[in-house]
Amino acid sequence: MSKITDTARLLLSIRKEGITDQKILSAFEAIPRHLFVPKVFSDQAYDDIPVPIACDQTVSQPSLVAFMINALEVGERMKVLEIGTGSGYQTAVLSLLCRRIYSIERHRLLELDAVKRFTALDLANISSTTGDGWLGWPKQAPFSRIIVSAAVAQVPQILLDHMADGGIMVIPIGETGKDQVLYRFRKCGNEFEQERLIQVHFLPLVLGLP
């Protein structure tokens, strides 16, 4: 099956989840997902499923990545913080939708591999680092948008502090092995509005480095 057909199939999966924003669809079309999954799973790269990667992590299913990005309401002039680079797939898609994205990954191996992919695709507006997502990226705060790709039992206060006024954060909340819900937080002055979105299943946001 050709990659063009594979990409069309991936976009169809995303559309079925109600994602119709053409900018988001174009970003997914432009980023070749097979570059972000292990070669052993290359035949599943364009299926709407999560795929295992190194360090016991996964690449989330494309429709969920699209749902989270859509919920983030990201604009081309915005600065975005991503917690959990993983293979860099979500990072790469977001880089086509915002001014600059700052991504934190606790596993050095994953971060280095992701940077190689960003370089190969000439994605020049990504800054990444190996670090503890619980600590955020204080030197670059505040952020217009924050997206967290791991579940927390309670939202880290520092990430709330990192939000600019009018900012949005999308984050899964819940314990591993129990019900988790994707939430959207909006900062309005000193207040935070929260909205339940969908049930999800994520690996936990682990405190500290390996």
N, C-alpha and C. Protein backbone atom coordinates (compact mmCIF):
# COMPACT_ATOMS: atom_id res chain seq x y z
N MET A 1 0.85 -1.20 0.00
CA MET A 1 0.00 0.00 0.00
C MET A 1 0.88 1.24 0.00
N SER A 2 0.60 2.19 -0.85
CA SER A 2 1.44 3.38 -0.97
C SER A 2 1.28 4.29 0.24
N LYS A 3 2.32 5.12 0.46
CA LYS A 3 2.26 6.05 1.58
C LYS A 3 1.16 7.09 1.39
N ILE A 4 0.85 7.47 0.15
CA ILE A 4 -0.24 8.42 -0.09
C ILE A 4 -1.55 7.82 0.40
N THR A 5 -1.80 6.57 0.08
CA THR A 5 -3.01 5.90 0.54
C THR A 5 -3.01 5.76 2.05
N ASP A 6 -1.86 5.45 2.63
CA ASP A 6 -1.76 5.33 4.08
C ASP A 6 -2.11 6.65 4.76
N THR A 7 -1.58 7.74 4.24
CA THR A 7 -1.85 9.05 4.82
C THR A 7 -3.33 9.40 4.72
N ALA A 8 -3.93 9.09 3.58
CA ALA A 8 -5.36 9.35 3.40
C ALA A 8 -6.18 8.55 4.41
N ARG A 9 -5.74 7.33 4.68
CA ARG A 9 -6.43 6.48 5.66
C ARG A 9 -6.31 7.07 7.07
N LEU A 10 -5.12 7.58 7.40
CA LEU A 10 -4.91 8.22 8.69
C LEU A 10 -5.80 9.45 8.84
N LEU A 11 -5.88 10.26 7.80
CA LEU A 11 -6.72 11.46 7.85
C LEU A 11 -8.19 11.10 8.00
N LEU A 12 -8.61 10.02 7.38
CA LEU A 12 -9.99 9.57 7.52
C LEU A 12 -10.30 9.20 8.97
N SER A 13 -9.34 8.53 9.63
CA SER A 13 -9.52 8.17 11.04
C SER A 13 -9.68 9.42 11.90
N ILE A 14 -8.91 10.43 11.59
CA ILE A 14 -8.97 11.68 12.34
C ILE A 14 -10.31 12.38 12.10
N ARG A 15 -10.74 12.43 10.85
CA ARG A 15 -12.02 13.06 10.53
C ARG A 15 -13.19 12.35 11.22
N LYS A 16 -13.09 11.04 11.37
CA LYS A 16 -14.16 10.29 12.01
C LYS A 16 -14.33 10.68 13.48
N GLU A 17 -13.27 11.24 14.06
CA GLU A 17 -13.35 11.70 15.45
C GLU A 17 -13.85 13.14 15.53
N GLY A 18 -14.29 13.67 14.41
CA GLY A 18 -14.88 15.01 14.41
C GLY A 18 -13.90 16.15 14.21
N ILE A 19 -12.67 15.83 13.84
CA ILE A 19 -11.66 16.87 13.62
C ILE A 19 -11.75 17.33 12.17
N THR A 20 -12.19 18.56 11.97
CA THR A 20 -12.38 19.08 10.61
C THR A 20 -11.54 20.31 10.32
N ASP A 21 -10.79 20.79 11.31
CA ASP A 21 -9.95 21.97 11.11
C ASP A 21 -8.90 21.66 10.03
N GLN A 22 -8.95 22.41 8.94
CA GLN A 22 -8.08 22.09 7.80
C GLN A 22 -6.61 22.29 8.13
N LYS A 23 -6.29 23.25 9.00
CA LYS A 23 -4.89 23.46 9.38
C LYS A 23 -4.34 22.24 10.11
N ILE A 24 -5.15 21.68 10.99
CA ILE A 24 -4.73 20.49 11.74
C ILE A 24 -4.59 19.31 10.79
N LEU A 25 -5.55 19.12 9.92
CA LEU A 25 -5.49 18.01 8.96
C LEU A 25 -4.27 18.14 8.04
N SER A 26 -3.98 19.35 7.62
CA SER A 26 -2.83 19.58 6.74
C SER A 26 -1.52 19.28 7.47
N ALA A 27 -1.46 19.62 8.77
CA ALA A 27 -0.26 19.34 9.55
C ALA A 27 -0.04 17.83 9.67
N PHE A 28 -1.10 17.07 9.91
CA PHE A 28 -0.97 15.61 9.98
C PHE A 28 -0.59 15.04 8.63
N GLU A 29 -1.10 15.62 7.57
CA GLU A 29 -0.77 15.15 6.24
C GLU A 29 0.71 15.39 5.91
N ALA A 30 1.27 16.46 6.47
CA ALA A 30 2.64 16.84 6.15
C ALA A 30 3.69 16.06 6.93
N ILE A 31 3.30 15.47 8.06
CA ILE A 31 4.27 14.77 8.92
C ILE A 31 4.15 13.26 8.69
N PRO A 32 5.19 12.63 8.16
CA PRO A 32 5.15 11.18 7.88
C PRO A 32 5.29 10.36 9.17
N ARG A 33 4.19 9.76 9.61
CA ARG A 33 4.19 9.07 10.90
C ARG A 33 5.14 7.88 10.93
N HIS A 34 5.41 7.27 9.77
CA HIS A 34 6.28 6.09 9.77
C HIS A 34 7.70 6.42 10.23
N LEU A 35 8.08 7.69 10.16
CA LEU A 35 9.42 8.08 10.64
C LEU A 35 9.49 8.13 12.16
N PHE A 36 8.33 8.07 12.82
CA PHE A 36 8.28 8.24 14.27
C PHE A 36 7.94 6.96 15.01
N VAL A 37 7.87 5.84 14.30
CA VAL A 37 7.63 4.56 14.96
C VAL A 37 8.78 3.62 14.62
N PRO A 38 9.05 2.64 15.47
CA PRO A 38 10.12 1.67 15.19
C PRO A 38 9.84 0.93 13.88
N LYS A 39 10.91 0.58 13.16
CA LYS A 39 10.75 -0.08 11.87
C LYS A 39 9.96 -1.39 11.99
N VAL A 40 10.07 -2.06 13.12
CA VAL A 40 9.36 -3.32 13.29
C VAL A 40 7.85 -3.11 13.25
N PHE A 41 7.40 -1.88 13.52
CA PHE A 41 5.97 -1.58 13.50
C PHE A 41 5.59 -0.70 12.31
N SER A 42 6.45 -0.61 11.32
CA SER A 42 6.22 0.29 10.19
C SER A 42 4.92 -0.02 9.45
N ASP A 43 4.52 -1.29 9.45
CA ASP A 43 3.28 -1.65 8.75
C ASP A 43 2.04 -1.16 9.49
N GLN A 44 2.22 -0.71 10.76
CA GLN A 44 1.11 -0.20 11.55
C GLN A 44 1.18 1.32 11.73
N ALA A 45 2.14 1.94 11.07
CA ALA A 45 2.40 3.37 11.31
C ALA A 45 1.20 4.26 11.03
N TYR A 46 0.38 3.88 10.05
CA TYR A 46 -0.74 4.74 9.67
C TYR A 46 -2.09 4.19 10.14
N ASP A 47 -2.05 3.16 10.99
CA ASP A 47 -3.27 2.68 11.64
C ASP A 47 -3.59 3.61 12.82
N ASP A 48 -4.85 3.68 13.17
CA ASP A 48 -5.25 4.56 14.27
C ASP A 48 -5.12 3.82 15.60
N ILE A 49 -3.88 3.51 15.95
CA ILE A 49 -3.58 2.77 17.17
C ILE A 49 -2.31 3.33 17.80
N PRO A 50 -2.15 3.17 19.13
CA PRO A 50 -0.88 3.51 19.75
C PRO A 50 0.18 2.50 19.35
N VAL A 51 1.43 2.94 19.27
CA VAL A 51 2.53 2.06 18.86
C VAL A 51 3.64 2.14 19.91
N PRO A 52 4.16 0.98 20.37
CA PRO A 52 5.26 1.00 21.34
C PRO A 52 6.53 1.60 20.75
N ILE A 53 7.26 2.33 21.61
CA ILE A 53 8.58 2.85 21.24
C ILE A 53 9.55 2.49 22.37
N ALA A 54 10.76 2.98 22.28
CA ALA A 54 11.78 2.67 23.29
C ALA A 54 11.38 3.20 24.67
N CYS A 55 12.09 2.71 25.68
CA CYS A 55 11.93 3.17 27.07
C CYS A 55 10.53 2.89 27.62
N ASP A 56 9.88 1.84 27.09
CA ASP A 56 8.55 1.44 27.55
C ASP A 56 7.51 2.54 27.39
N GLN A 57 7.66 3.35 26.35
CA GLN A 57 6.72 4.41 26.06
C GLN A 57 5.93 4.06 24.79
N THR A 58 5.00 4.92 24.42
CA THR A 58 4.20 4.69 23.21
C THR A 58 4.02 5.98 22.43
N VAL A 59 3.73 5.83 21.14
CA VAL A 59 3.22 6.93 20.33
C VAL A 59 1.71 6.81 20.36
N SER A 60 1.02 7.85 20.83
CA SER A 60 -0.43 7.78 20.94
C SER A 60 -1.08 7.61 19.57
N GLN A 61 -2.30 7.08 19.56
CA GLN A 61 -3.01 6.92 18.31
C GLN A 61 -3.28 8.29 17.68
N PRO A 62 -3.17 8.39 16.37
CA PRO A 62 -3.29 9.68 15.68
C PRO A 62 -4.57 10.45 16.00
N SER A 63 -5.70 9.74 16.09
CA SER A 63 -6.95 10.45 16.35
C SER A 63 -6.95 11.10 17.72
N LEU A 64 -6.29 10.47 18.71
CA LEU A 64 -6.21 11.07 20.04
C LEU A 64 -5.27 12.28 20.03
N VAL A 65 -4.14 12.15 19.33
CA VAL A 65 -3.24 13.29 19.19
C VAL A 65 -3.98 14.46 18.55
N ALA A 66 -4.75 14.17 17.51
CA ALA A 66 -5.50 15.21 16.82
C ALA A 66 -6.55 15.83 17.74
N PHE A 67 -7.22 15.00 18.52
CA PHE A 67 -8.24 15.50 19.46
C PHE A 67 -7.61 16.47 20.46
N MET A 68 -6.45 16.08 21.00
CA MET A 68 -5.78 16.93 21.99
C MET A 68 -5.32 18.24 21.37
N ILE A 69 -4.77 18.16 20.17
CA ILE A 69 -4.31 19.38 19.49
C ILE A 69 -5.49 20.28 19.17
N ASN A 70 -6.60 19.68 18.75
CA ASN A 70 -7.79 20.46 18.46
C ASN A 70 -8.31 21.16 19.72
N ALA A 71 -8.29 20.43 20.84
CA ALA A 71 -8.74 21.00 22.11
C ALA A 71 -7.82 22.12 22.59
N LEU A 72 -6.58 22.09 22.16
CA LEU A 72 -5.60 23.09 22.57
C LEU A 72 -5.86 24.45 21.94
N GLU A 73 -6.57 24.47 20.82
CA GLU A 73 -6.91 25.73 20.13
C GLU A 73 -5.65 26.56 19.86
N VAL A 74 -4.66 25.92 19.29
CA VAL A 74 -3.36 26.57 19.09
C VAL A 74 -3.40 27.47 17.87
N GLY A 75 -2.68 28.60 17.96
CA GLY A 75 -2.59 29.54 16.86
C GLY A 75 -1.15 29.71 16.40
N GLU A 76 -0.97 30.22 15.21
CA GLU A 76 0.35 30.27 14.59
C GLU A 76 1.31 31.24 15.27
N ARG A 77 0.82 32.15 16.11
CA ARG A 77 1.71 33.09 16.80
C ARG A 77 1.99 32.68 18.24
N MET A 78 1.55 31.49 18.63
CA MET A 78 1.64 31.06 20.03
C MET A 78 2.92 30.30 20.35
N LYS A 79 3.27 30.39 21.63
CA LYS A 79 4.38 29.61 22.18
C LYS A 79 3.79 28.47 23.01
N VAL A 80 4.22 27.23 22.69
CA VAL A 80 3.61 26.04 23.27
C VAL A 80 4.63 25.27 24.10
N LEU A 81 4.20 24.74 25.24
CA LEU A 81 5.00 23.83 26.04
C LEU A 81 4.40 22.44 25.94
N GLU A 82 5.24 21.47 25.62
CA GLU A 82 4.80 20.07 25.56
C GLU A 82 5.55 19.27 26.61
N ILE A 83 4.81 18.54 27.43
CA ILE A 83 5.42 17.65 28.42
C ILE A 83 5.30 16.23 27.89
N GLY A 84 6.44 15.63 27.55
CA GLY A 84 6.45 14.27 27.01
C GLY A 84 6.67 14.27 25.52
N THR A 85 7.92 14.41 25.10
CA THR A 85 8.24 14.44 23.67
C THR A 85 7.98 13.08 23.02
N GLY A 86 8.34 12.01 23.72
CA GLY A 86 8.21 10.68 23.15
C GLY A 86 9.02 10.55 21.86
N SER A 87 8.41 10.03 20.82
CA SER A 87 9.10 9.91 19.54
C SER A 87 9.19 11.24 18.81
N GLY A 88 8.39 12.22 19.26
CA GLY A 88 8.41 13.54 18.63
C GLY A 88 7.29 13.74 17.61
N TYR A 89 6.40 12.77 17.48
CA TYR A 89 5.34 12.87 16.46
C TYR A 89 4.40 14.04 16.74
N GLN A 90 3.86 14.09 17.95
CA GLN A 90 2.97 15.18 18.31
C GLN A 90 3.69 16.52 18.23
N THR A 91 4.94 16.52 18.67
CA THR A 91 5.77 17.74 18.62
C THR A 91 5.87 18.26 17.20
N ALA A 92 6.15 17.35 16.28
CA ALA A 92 6.32 17.73 14.88
C ALA A 92 5.04 18.31 14.29
N VAL A 93 3.90 17.68 14.59
CA VAL A 93 2.63 18.20 14.09
C VAL A 93 2.37 19.59 14.66
N LEU A 94 2.57 19.74 15.95
CA LEU A 94 2.34 21.04 16.59
C LEU A 94 3.25 22.12 16.04
N SER A 95 4.47 21.75 15.66
CA SER A 95 5.42 22.74 15.16
C SER A 95 4.92 23.44 13.90
N LEU A 96 4.03 22.78 13.17
CA LEU A 96 3.47 23.37 11.96
C LEU A 96 2.28 24.28 12.25
N LEU A 97 1.87 24.32 13.53
CA LEU A 97 0.67 25.07 13.90
C LEU A 97 0.93 26.24 14.83
N CYS A 98 2.17 26.36 15.34
CA CYS A 98 2.47 27.42 16.30
C CYS A 98 3.76 28.13 15.93
N ARG A 99 4.06 29.19 16.67
CA ARG A 99 5.30 29.94 16.41
C ARG A 99 6.51 29.17 16.90
N ARG A 100 6.44 28.64 18.12
CA ARG A 100 7.56 27.87 18.66
C ARG A 100 7.04 26.90 19.70
N ILE A 101 7.62 25.70 19.73
CA ILE A 101 7.24 24.70 20.72
C ILE A 101 8.46 24.28 21.52
N TYR A 102 8.26 24.21 22.83
CA TYR A 102 9.29 23.77 23.77
C TYR A 102 8.84 22.43 24.33
N SER A 103 9.66 21.40 24.15
CA SER A 103 9.25 20.05 24.52
C SER A 103 10.22 19.42 25.51
N ILE A 104 9.66 18.81 26.55
CA ILE A 104 10.46 18.19 27.61
C ILE A 104 10.25 16.68 27.59
N GLU A 105 11.34 15.93 27.60
CA GLU A 105 11.29 14.46 27.64
C GLU A 105 12.24 13.96 28.73
N ARG A 106 11.77 13.06 29.59
CA ARG A 106 12.61 12.59 30.71
C ARG A 106 13.63 11.54 30.27
N HIS A 107 13.41 10.89 29.13
CA HIS A 107 14.34 9.87 28.64
C HIS A 107 15.27 10.48 27.60
N ARG A 108 16.55 10.53 27.91
CA ARG A 108 17.53 11.15 27.02
C ARG A 108 17.55 10.49 25.64
N LEU A 109 17.46 9.16 25.61
CA LEU A 109 17.49 8.45 24.34
C LEU A 109 16.34 8.90 23.43
N LEU A 110 15.14 9.01 23.98
CA LEU A 110 14.00 9.44 23.18
C LEU A 110 14.18 10.86 22.67
N GLU A 111 14.69 11.72 23.55
CA GLU A 111 14.87 13.12 23.13
C GLU A 111 15.88 13.23 22.00
N LEU A 112 16.99 12.52 22.10
CA LEU A 112 18.02 12.57 21.05
C LEU A 112 17.49 12.05 19.72
N ASP A 113 16.73 10.94 19.79
CA ASP A 113 16.17 10.38 18.55
C ASP A 113 15.14 11.33 17.94
N ALA A 114 14.36 11.98 18.79
CA ALA A 114 13.36 12.93 18.29
C ALA A 114 14.04 14.11 17.59
N VAL A 115 15.12 14.60 18.17
CA VAL A 115 15.84 15.73 17.56
C VAL A 115 16.36 15.35 16.17
N LYS A 116 16.82 14.13 16.01
CA LYS A 116 17.28 13.68 14.69
C LYS A 116 16.14 13.74 13.67
N ARG A 117 14.96 13.36 14.10
CA ARG A 117 13.80 13.40 13.20
C ARG A 117 13.43 14.85 12.86
N PHE A 118 13.46 15.72 13.87
CA PHE A 118 13.13 17.13 13.62
C PHE A 118 14.12 17.73 12.61
N THR A 119 15.39 17.39 12.76
CA THR A 119 16.42 17.91 11.86
C THR A 119 16.20 17.38 10.45
N ALA A 120 15.90 16.09 10.34
CA ALA A 120 15.69 15.49 9.02
C ALA A 120 14.51 16.12 8.30
N LEU A 121 13.49 16.55 9.07
CA LEU A 121 12.31 17.17 8.48
C LEU A 121 12.41 18.70 8.41
N ASP A 122 13.56 19.23 8.83
CA ASP A 122 13.81 20.67 8.78
C ASP A 122 12.77 21.45 9.58
N LEU A 123 12.47 20.95 10.78
CA LEU A 123 11.54 21.63 11.68
C LEU A 123 12.37 22.48 12.64
N ALA A 124 12.49 23.75 12.31
CA ALA A 124 13.45 24.62 13.00
C ALA A 124 12.87 25.38 14.19
N ASN A 125 11.58 25.25 14.45
CA ASN A 125 10.97 26.02 15.55
C ASN A 125 10.68 25.16 16.78
N ILE A 126 11.47 24.08 16.93
CA ILE A 126 11.32 23.20 18.10
C ILE A 126 12.55 23.31 18.98
N SER A 127 12.32 23.54 20.27
CA SER A 127 13.39 23.46 21.28
C SER A 127 13.04 22.30 22.20
N SER A 128 13.98 21.37 22.38
CA SER A 128 13.71 20.22 23.24
C SER A 128 14.80 20.08 24.27
N THR A 129 14.46 19.38 25.35
CA THR A 129 15.43 19.15 26.41
C THR A 129 15.07 17.88 27.16
N THR A 130 16.06 17.27 27.79
CA THR A 130 15.81 16.18 28.70
C THR A 130 15.59 16.77 30.08
N GLY A 131 14.46 16.48 30.68
CA GLY A 131 14.17 17.07 31.97
C GLY A 131 12.96 16.45 32.64
N ASP A 132 12.64 16.97 33.80
CA ASP A 132 11.52 16.51 34.61
C ASP A 132 10.30 17.35 34.27
N GLY A 133 9.30 16.73 33.66
CA GLY A 133 8.11 17.46 33.26
C GLY A 133 7.38 18.10 34.42
N TRP A 134 7.52 17.55 35.62
CA TRP A 134 6.87 18.13 36.80
C TRP A 134 7.43 19.53 37.11
N LEU A 135 8.62 19.82 36.60
CA LEU A 135 9.25 21.12 36.90
C LEU A 135 9.00 22.14 35.80
N GLY A 136 8.41 21.71 34.69
CA GLY A 136 8.13 22.64 33.60
C GLY A 136 9.40 23.20 32.99
N TRP A 137 9.26 24.39 32.40
CA TRP A 137 10.40 25.06 31.75
C TRP A 137 10.35 26.54 32.16
N PRO A 138 10.74 26.84 33.43
CA PRO A 138 10.56 28.18 33.98
C PRO A 138 11.19 29.30 33.17
N LYS A 139 12.35 29.04 32.57
CA LYS A 139 13.05 30.10 31.85
C LYS A 139 12.28 30.58 30.61
N GLN A 140 11.39 29.75 30.10
CA GLN A 140 10.64 30.11 28.90
C GLN A 140 9.18 30.47 29.21
N ALA A 141 8.75 30.31 30.45
CA ALA A 141 7.38 30.65 30.82
C ALA A 141 7.19 32.18 30.75
N PRO A 142 5.96 32.64 30.49
CA PRO A 142 4.72 31.88 30.38
C PRO A 142 4.49 31.35 28.96
N PHE A 143 3.55 30.40 28.86
CA PHE A 143 3.20 29.79 27.59
C PHE A 143 1.73 30.03 27.28
N SER A 144 1.46 30.27 26.01
CA SER A 144 0.07 30.44 25.58
C SER A 144 -0.69 29.12 25.66
N ARG A 145 0.02 28.03 25.39
CA ARG A 145 -0.61 26.71 25.39
C ARG A 145 0.34 25.70 26.02
N ILE A 146 -0.24 24.73 26.77
CA ILE A 146 0.53 23.64 27.37
C ILE A 146 -0.22 22.34 27.08
N ILE A 147 0.51 21.34 26.61
CA ILE A 147 -0.08 20.02 26.34
C ILE A 147 0.75 18.97 27.06
N VAL A 148 0.09 18.11 27.81
CA VAL A 148 0.77 17.11 28.64
C VAL A 148 0.37 15.72 28.13
N SER A 149 1.37 14.91 27.81
CA SER A 149 1.13 13.60 27.21
C SER A 149 1.37 12.47 28.19
N ALA A 150 1.09 12.72 29.47
CA ALA A 150 1.18 11.70 30.51
C ALA A 150 0.19 12.09 31.60
N ALA A 151 -0.31 11.09 32.31
CA ALA A 151 -1.38 11.35 33.28
C ALA A 151 -0.83 11.74 34.65
N VAL A 152 -1.58 12.61 35.31
CA VAL A 152 -1.24 13.05 36.67
C VAL A 152 -2.45 12.82 37.57
N ALA A 153 -2.18 12.55 38.84
CA ALA A 153 -3.28 12.45 39.81
C ALA A 153 -3.77 13.84 40.18
N GLN A 154 -2.85 14.79 40.14
CA GLN A 154 -3.17 16.19 40.44
C GLN A 154 -2.31 17.08 39.56
N VAL A 155 -2.89 18.14 39.03
CA VAL A 155 -2.15 19.01 38.12
C VAL A 155 -1.00 19.69 38.86
N PRO A 156 0.23 19.59 38.35
CA PRO A 156 1.36 20.28 38.99
C PRO A 156 1.13 21.79 39.02
N GLN A 157 1.30 22.38 40.18
CA GLN A 157 1.07 23.81 40.32
C GLN A 157 1.98 24.62 39.41
N ILE A 158 3.19 24.14 39.20
CA ILE A 158 4.13 24.91 38.37
C ILE A 158 3.63 25.02 36.93
N LEU A 159 2.91 24.01 36.44
CA LEU A 159 2.37 24.09 35.09
C LEU A 159 1.24 25.11 35.02
N LEU A 160 0.44 25.17 36.07
CA LEU A 160 -0.59 26.21 36.13
C LEU A 160 0.06 27.59 36.16
N ASP A 161 1.16 27.71 36.91
CA ASP A 161 1.89 28.98 36.99
C ASP A 161 2.52 29.35 35.64
N HIS A 162 2.82 28.35 34.82
CA HIS A 162 3.43 28.58 33.51
C HIS A 162 2.44 29.13 32.48
N MET A 163 1.15 29.09 32.78
CA MET A 163 0.15 29.50 31.81
C MET A 163 0.03 31.02 31.73
N ALA A 164 0.04 31.53 30.50
CA ALA A 164 -0.21 32.95 30.29
C ALA A 164 -1.70 33.23 30.51
N ASP A 165 -2.03 34.49 30.78
CA ASP A 165 -3.44 34.86 30.91
C ASP A 165 -4.15 34.57 29.59
N GLY A 166 -5.27 33.88 29.67
CA GLY A 166 -5.97 33.46 28.47
C GLY A 166 -5.44 32.15 27.91
N GLY A 167 -4.46 31.58 28.58
CA GLY A 167 -3.84 30.34 28.10
C GLY A 167 -4.71 29.12 28.31
N ILE A 168 -4.34 28.06 27.60
CA ILE A 168 -5.05 26.77 27.69
C ILE A 168 -4.04 25.67 27.96
N MET A 169 -4.44 24.74 28.83
CA MET A 169 -3.65 23.53 29.05
C MET A 169 -4.56 22.32 28.86
N VAL A 170 -4.08 21.33 28.11
CA VAL A 170 -4.78 20.05 27.93
C VAL A 170 -3.96 18.99 28.63
N ILE A 171 -4.60 18.25 29.55
CA ILE A 171 -3.84 17.33 30.39
C ILE A 171 -4.73 16.18 30.86
N PRO A 172 -4.23 14.94 30.81
CA PRO A 172 -4.99 13.80 31.35
C PRO A 172 -4.80 13.69 32.87
N ILE A 173 -5.92 13.48 33.57
CA ILE A 173 -5.88 13.39 35.03
C ILE A 173 -6.47 12.05 35.46
N GLY A 174 -5.75 11.37 36.34
CA GLY A 174 -6.20 10.09 36.86
C GLY A 174 -5.01 9.19 37.13
N GLU A 175 -5.23 8.18 37.95
CA GLU A 175 -4.15 7.27 38.31
C GLU A 175 -4.02 6.15 37.28
N THR A 176 -2.82 5.59 37.19
CA THR A 176 -2.57 4.48 36.27
C THR A 176 -3.45 3.29 36.62
N GLY A 177 -4.07 2.71 35.60
CA GLY A 177 -4.92 1.55 35.82
C GLY A 177 -6.32 1.89 36.27
N LYS A 178 -6.60 3.18 36.47
CA LYS A 178 -7.94 3.62 36.86
C LYS A 178 -8.46 4.58 35.81
N ASP A 179 -9.69 5.03 35.99
CA ASP A 179 -10.27 5.95 35.02
C ASP A 179 -9.46 7.23 34.94
N GLN A 180 -9.17 7.63 33.72
CA GLN A 180 -8.49 8.89 33.48
C GLN A 180 -9.36 9.74 32.56
N VAL A 181 -9.33 11.03 32.78
CA VAL A 181 -10.12 11.96 31.98
C VAL A 181 -9.21 13.05 31.43
N LEU A 182 -9.39 13.36 30.16
CA LEU A 182 -8.66 14.47 29.56
C LEU A 182 -9.39 15.76 29.91
N TYR A 183 -8.64 16.70 30.49
CA TYR A 183 -9.20 17.99 30.90
C TYR A 183 -8.60 19.12 30.07
N ARG A 184 -9.41 20.17 29.94
CA ARG A 184 -8.91 21.42 29.35
C ARG A 184 -9.05 22.51 30.40
N PHE A 185 -7.93 23.16 30.72
CA PHE A 185 -7.92 24.28 31.66
C PHE A 185 -7.74 25.58 30.89
N ARG A 186 -8.49 26.59 31.28
CA ARG A 186 -8.34 27.93 30.72
C ARG A 186 -8.02 28.89 31.86
N LYS A 187 -7.01 29.73 31.66
CA LYS A 187 -6.65 30.71 32.68
C LYS A 187 -7.29 32.05 32.36
N CYS A 188 -8.07 32.54 33.30
CA CYS A 188 -8.74 33.84 33.16
C CYS A 188 -8.37 34.68 34.36
N GLY A 189 -7.36 35.54 34.18
CA GLY A 189 -6.85 36.30 35.31
C GLY A 189 -6.19 35.36 36.30
N ASN A 190 -6.70 35.35 37.54
CA ASN A 190 -6.16 34.44 38.55
C ASN A 190 -7.03 33.21 38.73
N GLU A 191 -8.00 33.03 37.86
CA GLU A 191 -8.92 31.90 37.96
C GLU A 191 -8.65 30.89 36.85
N PHE A 192 -9.04 29.65 37.12
CA PHE A 192 -8.89 28.58 36.13
C PHE A 192 -10.23 27.90 35.91
N GLU A 193 -10.66 27.89 34.67
CA GLU A 193 -11.85 27.14 34.30
C GLU A 193 -11.41 25.75 33.83
N GLN A 194 -12.11 24.72 34.24
CA GLN A 194 -11.75 23.37 33.82
C GLN A 194 -12.94 22.69 33.15
N GLU A 195 -12.63 21.88 32.14
CA GLU A 195 -13.65 21.22 31.34
C GLU A 195 -13.25 19.77 31.11
N ARG A 196 -14.14 18.85 31.45
CA ARG A 196 -13.92 17.44 31.15
C ARG A 196 -14.14 17.20 29.67
N LEU A 197 -13.23 16.46 29.04
CA LEU A 197 -13.36 16.21 27.61
C LEU A 197 -13.73 14.75 27.33
N ILE A 198 -12.78 13.84 27.41
CA ILE A 198 -13.05 12.44 27.12
C ILE A 198 -12.26 11.55 28.08
N GLN A 199 -12.69 10.29 28.18
CA GLN A 199 -11.91 9.32 28.95
C GLN A 199 -10.70 8.88 28.12
N VAL A 200 -9.56 8.71 28.78
CA VAL A 200 -8.32 8.35 28.08
C VAL A 200 -7.54 7.34 28.91
N HIS A 201 -6.45 6.88 28.33
CA HIS A 201 -5.54 5.98 29.05
C HIS A 201 -4.12 6.37 28.69
N PHE A 202 -3.40 6.94 29.66
CA PHE A 202 -2.02 7.37 29.45
C PHE A 202 -1.11 6.75 30.49
N LEU A 203 0.15 6.62 30.15
CA LEU A 203 1.17 6.30 31.14
C LEU A 203 1.32 7.48 32.08
N PRO A 204 1.80 7.25 33.32
CA PRO A 204 1.88 8.34 34.30
C PRO A 204 3.02 9.32 34.01
N LEU A 205 2.83 10.56 34.43
CA LEU A 205 3.91 11.54 34.42
C LEU A 205 4.77 11.26 35.63
N VAL A 206 5.97 10.74 35.40
CA VAL A 206 6.83 10.28 36.49
C VAL A 206 7.71 11.42 37.00
N LEU A 207 7.78 11.55 38.31
CA LEU A 207 8.60 12.58 38.93
C LEU A 207 10.07 12.21 38.83
N GLY A 208 10.92 13.16 38.45
CA GLY A 208 12.35 12.94 38.39
C GLY A 208 12.79 12.30 37.07
N LEU A 209 14.09 12.05 36.97
CA LEU A 209 14.67 11.47 35.77
C LEU A 209 15.05 10.00 36.02
N PRO A 210 15.12 9.19 34.94
CA PRO A 210 15.48 7.78 35.10
C PRO A 210 16.87 7.61 35.68
